[in-house]
Amino acid sequence: MKVMGYSKMAEPLAIRAVELYAHSDGLNSKATMSALWNLGQVYIDNGKPAKAEQVFRTIAAYNAKRPRDGTVMPYQVLRAWSKTLRTLGRTRDADKVEAQLESTSSKNQVKRKP
């Protein structure tokens, strides 16, 4: 629905998807976090950055506790979280998230031999 431009209609469905995944797979499952990601995107589209910020913060905390292969789009989540914080006027918090993003990406870059 979101892709077709119906973000307002997509919000209750995205919330329901999170509820269903949380019930079937648990609150701290990768499937639930992926559903939360979709909900966060819908919140952004619907002009609800404060709700989106809470969602992105939750996913980032989940990712911080997981090995790399168990995470949910770690770079995209940090970027979306930072952008949302800036929208909310929380520049210092956004700077901290961006520093975390830079640290994470520099640790994972493979150095190439000349």
N, C-alpha and C. Protein backbone atom coordinates (compact mmCIF):
# COMPACT_ATOMS: atom_id res chain seq x y z
N MET A 1 0.82 -1.18 0.00
CA MET A 1 0.00 0.00 0.00
C MET A 1 0.87 1.26 0.00
N LYS A 2 1.95 1.22 0.80
CA LYS A 2 2.84 2.37 0.87
C LYS A 2 3.43 2.67 -0.50
N VAL A 3 3.87 1.63 -1.19
CA VAL A 3 4.50 1.79 -2.50
C VAL A 3 3.52 2.41 -3.50
N MET A 4 2.25 2.10 -3.35
CA MET A 4 1.24 2.61 -4.27
C MET A 4 0.75 4.00 -3.86
N GLY A 5 1.34 4.58 -2.80
CA GLY A 5 0.98 5.93 -2.41
C GLY A 5 -0.12 6.02 -1.37
N TYR A 6 -0.42 4.93 -0.73
CA TYR A 6 -1.48 4.90 0.27
C TYR A 6 -0.90 4.76 1.68
N SER A 7 0.01 5.65 2.05
CA SER A 7 0.68 5.55 3.34
C SER A 7 -0.29 5.64 4.51
N LYS A 8 -1.30 6.47 4.40
CA LYS A 8 -2.27 6.59 5.49
C LYS A 8 -2.96 5.26 5.74
N MET A 9 -3.29 4.57 4.67
CA MET A 9 -3.95 3.27 4.80
C MET A 9 -2.96 2.18 5.22
N ALA A 10 -1.69 2.39 4.91
CA ALA A 10 -0.67 1.39 5.22
C ALA A 10 -0.33 1.36 6.71
N GLU A 11 -0.52 2.48 7.40
CA GLU A 11 -0.10 2.54 8.81
C GLU A 11 -0.77 1.48 9.69
N PRO A 12 -2.09 1.35 9.71
CA PRO A 12 -2.67 0.32 10.58
C PRO A 12 -2.26 -1.10 10.18
N LEU A 13 -2.04 -1.30 8.89
CA LEU A 13 -1.60 -2.62 8.43
C LEU A 13 -0.17 -2.90 8.89
N ALA A 14 0.68 -1.88 8.84
CA ALA A 14 2.07 -2.05 9.29
C ALA A 14 2.11 -2.31 10.80
N ILE A 15 1.26 -1.61 11.54
CA ILE A 15 1.19 -1.84 12.99
C ILE A 15 0.74 -3.27 13.26
N ARG A 16 -0.26 -3.71 12.52
CA ARG A 16 -0.77 -5.08 12.70
C ARG A 16 0.30 -6.11 12.36
N ALA A 17 1.08 -5.86 11.33
CA ALA A 17 2.16 -6.79 10.96
C ALA A 17 3.17 -6.92 12.10
N VAL A 18 3.53 -5.80 12.72
CA VAL A 18 4.45 -5.84 13.86
C VAL A 18 3.84 -6.68 14.99
N GLU A 19 2.57 -6.45 15.27
CA GLU A 19 1.90 -7.21 16.33
C GLU A 19 1.91 -8.71 16.04
N LEU A 20 1.61 -9.07 14.80
CA LEU A 20 1.57 -10.49 14.43
C LEU A 20 2.95 -11.15 14.53
N TYR A 21 3.98 -10.46 14.03
CA TYR A 21 5.33 -11.02 14.13
C TYR A 21 5.78 -11.10 15.58
N ALA A 22 5.47 -10.11 16.37
CA ALA A 22 5.84 -10.13 17.79
C ALA A 22 5.16 -11.29 18.50
N HIS A 23 3.93 -11.56 18.14
CA HIS A 23 3.19 -12.65 18.76
C HIS A 23 3.74 -14.01 18.32
N SER A 24 4.02 -14.16 17.03
CA SER A 24 4.46 -15.47 16.53
C SER A 24 5.95 -15.73 16.72
N ASP A 25 6.78 -14.71 16.54
CA ASP A 25 8.23 -14.90 16.58
C ASP A 25 8.90 -14.28 17.81
N GLY A 26 8.18 -13.47 18.54
CA GLY A 26 8.74 -12.80 19.71
C GLY A 26 9.14 -11.37 19.38
N LEU A 27 9.22 -10.56 20.43
CA LEU A 27 9.55 -9.14 20.26
C LEU A 27 10.95 -8.94 19.69
N ASN A 28 11.87 -9.80 20.06
CA ASN A 28 13.27 -9.62 19.64
C ASN A 28 13.66 -10.56 18.50
N SER A 29 12.78 -10.68 17.53
CA SER A 29 13.10 -11.51 16.37
C SER A 29 13.45 -10.63 15.18
N LYS A 30 14.18 -11.20 14.26
CA LYS A 30 14.55 -10.47 13.06
C LYS A 30 13.31 -10.11 12.23
N ALA A 31 12.34 -11.00 12.19
CA ALA A 31 11.11 -10.74 11.44
C ALA A 31 10.35 -9.56 12.04
N THR A 32 10.28 -9.50 13.37
CA THR A 32 9.60 -8.39 14.03
C THR A 32 10.33 -7.08 13.75
N MET A 33 11.65 -7.12 13.81
CA MET A 33 12.43 -5.91 13.55
C MET A 33 12.28 -5.45 12.10
N SER A 34 12.18 -6.39 11.17
CA SER A 34 11.95 -6.02 9.76
C SER A 34 10.59 -5.37 9.59
N ALA A 35 9.58 -5.90 10.28
CA ALA A 35 8.25 -5.29 10.24
C ALA A 35 8.29 -3.90 10.87
N LEU A 36 9.08 -3.74 11.95
CA LEU A 36 9.23 -2.42 12.56
C LEU A 36 9.87 -1.43 11.58
N TRP A 37 10.86 -1.90 10.83
CA TRP A 37 11.50 -1.04 9.82
C TRP A 37 10.44 -0.49 8.86
N ASN A 38 9.57 -1.38 8.37
CA ASN A 38 8.52 -0.94 7.46
C ASN A 38 7.60 0.07 8.13
N LEU A 39 7.27 -0.17 9.39
CA LEU A 39 6.42 0.76 10.13
C LEU A 39 7.11 2.12 10.26
N GLY A 40 8.39 2.12 10.55
CA GLY A 40 9.14 3.37 10.65
C GLY A 40 9.09 4.17 9.36
N GLN A 41 9.21 3.49 8.24
CA GLN A 41 9.14 4.15 6.94
C GLN A 41 7.75 4.74 6.70
N VAL A 42 6.72 4.02 7.12
CA VAL A 42 5.36 4.54 6.98
C VAL A 42 5.17 5.77 7.86
N TYR A 43 5.71 5.72 9.09
CA TYR A 43 5.62 6.89 9.96
C TYR A 43 6.29 8.10 9.32
N ILE A 44 7.44 7.91 8.69
CA ILE A 44 8.13 9.02 8.01
C ILE A 44 7.22 9.58 6.92
N ASP A 45 6.68 8.69 6.09
CA ASP A 45 5.81 9.13 4.99
C ASP A 45 4.58 9.86 5.50
N ASN A 46 4.12 9.51 6.70
CA ASN A 46 2.90 10.12 7.25
C ASN A 46 3.20 11.32 8.13
N GLY A 47 4.45 11.80 8.13
CA GLY A 47 4.80 12.99 8.88
C GLY A 47 4.80 12.78 10.39
N LYS A 48 5.22 11.61 10.83
CA LYS A 48 5.28 11.29 12.26
C LYS A 48 6.71 10.93 12.65
N PRO A 49 7.63 11.92 12.58
CA PRO A 49 9.03 11.62 12.84
C PRO A 49 9.31 11.17 14.29
N ALA A 50 8.55 11.64 15.26
CA ALA A 50 8.79 11.23 16.65
C ALA A 50 8.52 9.73 16.82
N LYS A 51 7.47 9.24 16.19
CA LYS A 51 7.18 7.81 16.25
C LYS A 51 8.23 7.01 15.48
N ALA A 52 8.65 7.54 14.33
CA ALA A 52 9.68 6.86 13.54
C ALA A 52 10.99 6.79 14.31
N GLU A 53 11.33 7.86 15.02
CA GLU A 53 12.58 7.87 15.79
C GLU A 53 12.59 6.76 16.82
N GLN A 54 11.48 6.55 17.49
CA GLN A 54 11.38 5.47 18.49
C GLN A 54 11.59 4.10 17.84
N VAL A 55 11.02 3.94 16.66
CA VAL A 55 11.16 2.67 15.93
C VAL A 55 12.61 2.45 15.53
N PHE A 56 13.25 3.45 14.94
CA PHE A 56 14.64 3.29 14.49
C PHE A 56 15.57 3.07 15.68
N ARG A 57 15.30 3.74 16.80
CA ARG A 57 16.11 3.53 18.01
C ARG A 57 15.99 2.09 18.49
N THR A 58 14.79 1.54 18.45
CA THR A 58 14.55 0.16 18.87
C THR A 58 15.32 -0.83 17.99
N ILE A 59 15.26 -0.62 16.69
CA ILE A 59 15.96 -1.51 15.77
C ILE A 59 17.48 -1.39 15.94
N ALA A 60 17.96 -0.17 16.14
CA ALA A 60 19.41 0.03 16.35
C ALA A 60 19.87 -0.69 17.61
N ALA A 61 19.07 -0.65 18.67
CA ALA A 61 19.42 -1.36 19.91
C ALA A 61 19.43 -2.86 19.67
N TYR A 62 18.48 -3.36 18.92
CA TYR A 62 18.44 -4.78 18.55
C TYR A 62 19.70 -5.15 17.77
N ASN A 63 20.05 -4.34 16.78
CA ASN A 63 21.24 -4.61 15.96
C ASN A 63 22.52 -4.60 16.78
N ALA A 64 22.60 -3.72 17.76
CA ALA A 64 23.81 -3.60 18.58
C ALA A 64 24.07 -4.87 19.39
N LYS A 65 23.04 -5.64 19.63
CA LYS A 65 23.18 -6.86 20.44
C LYS A 65 23.34 -8.11 19.59
N ARG A 66 23.39 -7.98 18.29
CA ARG A 66 23.44 -9.13 17.40
C ARG A 66 24.72 -9.16 16.59
N PRO A 67 25.12 -10.37 16.19
CA PRO A 67 26.24 -10.47 15.25
C PRO A 67 25.81 -9.89 13.90
N ARG A 68 26.78 -9.58 13.10
CA ARG A 68 26.53 -8.90 11.82
C ARG A 68 25.45 -9.59 10.99
N ASP A 69 25.46 -10.90 10.91
CA ASP A 69 24.49 -11.59 10.06
C ASP A 69 23.09 -11.66 10.68
N GLY A 70 22.95 -11.28 11.94
CA GLY A 70 21.64 -11.30 12.58
C GLY A 70 20.97 -9.94 12.65
N THR A 71 21.58 -8.97 12.01
CA THR A 71 21.06 -7.60 12.10
C THR A 71 20.03 -7.33 11.00
N VAL A 72 19.31 -6.24 11.18
CA VAL A 72 18.32 -5.79 10.21
C VAL A 72 18.82 -4.48 9.62
N MET A 73 19.33 -4.53 8.42
CA MET A 73 19.80 -3.36 7.67
C MET A 73 20.49 -2.32 8.55
N PRO A 74 21.62 -2.66 9.14
CA PRO A 74 22.23 -1.78 10.13
C PRO A 74 22.59 -0.38 9.61
N TYR A 75 23.08 -0.27 8.40
CA TYR A 75 23.47 1.04 7.88
C TYR A 75 22.24 1.89 7.56
N GLN A 76 21.25 1.27 6.94
CA GLN A 76 20.04 2.00 6.60
C GLN A 76 19.31 2.47 7.86
N VAL A 77 19.30 1.64 8.89
CA VAL A 77 18.63 2.01 10.14
C VAL A 77 19.33 3.21 10.78
N LEU A 78 20.66 3.17 10.84
CA LEU A 78 21.39 4.30 11.43
C LEU A 78 21.21 5.58 10.61
N ARG A 79 21.21 5.45 9.29
CA ARG A 79 21.00 6.64 8.44
C ARG A 79 19.60 7.21 8.64
N ALA A 80 18.60 6.34 8.65
CA ALA A 80 17.22 6.80 8.84
C ALA A 80 17.04 7.41 10.22
N TRP A 81 17.66 6.81 11.23
CA TRP A 81 17.56 7.33 12.59
C TRP A 81 18.19 8.72 12.68
N SER A 82 19.38 8.87 12.10
CA SER A 82 20.07 10.16 12.10
C SER A 82 19.24 11.23 11.39
N LYS A 83 18.74 10.91 10.23
CA LYS A 83 17.93 11.86 9.46
C LYS A 83 16.68 12.26 10.24
N THR A 84 16.06 11.30 10.91
CA THR A 84 14.86 11.58 11.69
C THR A 84 15.19 12.47 12.89
N LEU A 85 16.32 12.20 13.53
CA LEU A 85 16.73 13.05 14.64
C LEU A 85 16.95 14.48 14.18
N ARG A 86 17.55 14.66 13.03
CA ARG A 86 17.76 16.01 12.49
C ARG A 86 16.42 16.69 12.19
N THR A 87 15.47 15.94 11.67
CA THR A 87 14.14 16.48 11.42
C THR A 87 13.51 16.98 12.72
N LEU A 88 13.78 16.27 13.81
CA LEU A 88 13.23 16.64 15.11
C LEU A 88 14.05 17.73 15.80
N GLY A 89 15.14 18.19 15.15
CA GLY A 89 15.97 19.24 15.72
C GLY A 89 16.95 18.74 16.77
N ARG A 90 17.17 17.46 16.82
CA ARG A 90 18.08 16.86 17.81
C ARG A 90 19.45 16.61 17.16
N THR A 91 20.14 17.70 16.86
CA THR A 91 21.39 17.66 16.10
C THR A 91 22.48 16.89 16.82
N ARG A 92 22.64 17.12 18.11
CA ARG A 92 23.70 16.40 18.85
C ARG A 92 23.47 14.90 18.84
N ASP A 93 22.23 14.48 19.03
CA ASP A 93 21.93 13.06 18.99
C ASP A 93 22.20 12.49 17.59
N ALA A 94 21.84 13.26 16.56
CA ALA A 94 22.10 12.84 15.19
C ALA A 94 23.60 12.70 14.93
N ASP A 95 24.39 13.63 15.46
CA ASP A 95 25.85 13.55 15.30
C ASP A 95 26.40 12.27 15.94
N LYS A 96 25.87 11.90 17.08
CA LYS A 96 26.31 10.66 17.76
C LYS A 96 25.99 9.43 16.93
N VAL A 97 24.79 9.41 16.36
CA VAL A 97 24.39 8.27 15.52
C VAL A 97 25.26 8.21 14.28
N GLU A 98 25.56 9.37 13.68
CA GLU A 98 26.42 9.39 12.49
C GLU A 98 27.84 8.94 12.82
N ALA A 99 28.32 9.28 14.00
CA ALA A 99 29.64 8.79 14.43
C ALA A 99 29.62 7.28 14.57
N GLN A 100 28.54 6.77 15.09
CA GLN A 100 28.39 5.31 15.21
C GLN A 100 28.35 4.67 13.82
N LEU A 101 27.68 5.31 12.90
CA LEU A 101 27.61 4.80 11.53
C LEU A 101 28.99 4.78 10.89
N GLU A 102 29.74 5.87 11.05
CA GLU A 102 31.09 5.93 10.49
C GLU A 102 31.99 4.87 11.11
N SER A 103 31.88 4.69 12.41
CA SER A 103 32.68 3.69 13.11
C SER A 103 32.35 2.29 12.63
N THR A 104 31.08 2.03 12.47
CA THR A 104 30.63 0.71 12.02
C THR A 104 31.09 0.43 10.60
N SER A 105 30.95 1.42 9.71
CA SER A 105 31.32 1.19 8.32
C SER A 105 32.83 1.08 8.15
N SER A 106 33.61 1.83 8.94
CA SER A 106 35.06 1.75 8.81
C SER A 106 35.59 0.42 9.34
N LYS A 107 34.95 -0.16 10.33
CA LYS A 107 35.36 -1.46 10.85
C LYS A 107 35.11 -2.58 9.85
N ASN A 108 34.10 -2.39 9.01
CA ASN A 108 33.69 -3.45 8.10
C ASN A 108 34.26 -3.30 6.69
N GLN A 109 35.02 -2.25 6.44
CA GLN A 109 35.63 -2.09 5.12
C GLN A 109 36.83 -3.02 5.00
N VAL A 110 36.94 -3.63 3.85
CA VAL A 110 38.07 -4.51 3.57
C VAL A 110 39.17 -3.68 2.96
N LYS A 111 40.36 -3.76 3.54
CA LYS A 111 41.48 -3.04 2.97
C LYS A 111 42.04 -3.80 1.79
N ARG A 112 42.22 -3.09 0.69
CA ARG A 112 42.73 -3.72 -0.52
C ARG A 112 44.22 -3.48 -0.65
N LYS A 113 44.89 -4.45 -1.19
CA LYS A 113 46.33 -4.33 -1.41
C LYS A 113 46.56 -3.51 -2.68
N PRO A 114 47.58 -2.64 -2.66
CA PRO A 114 47.86 -1.81 -3.86
C PRO A 114 48.35 -2.63 -5.01
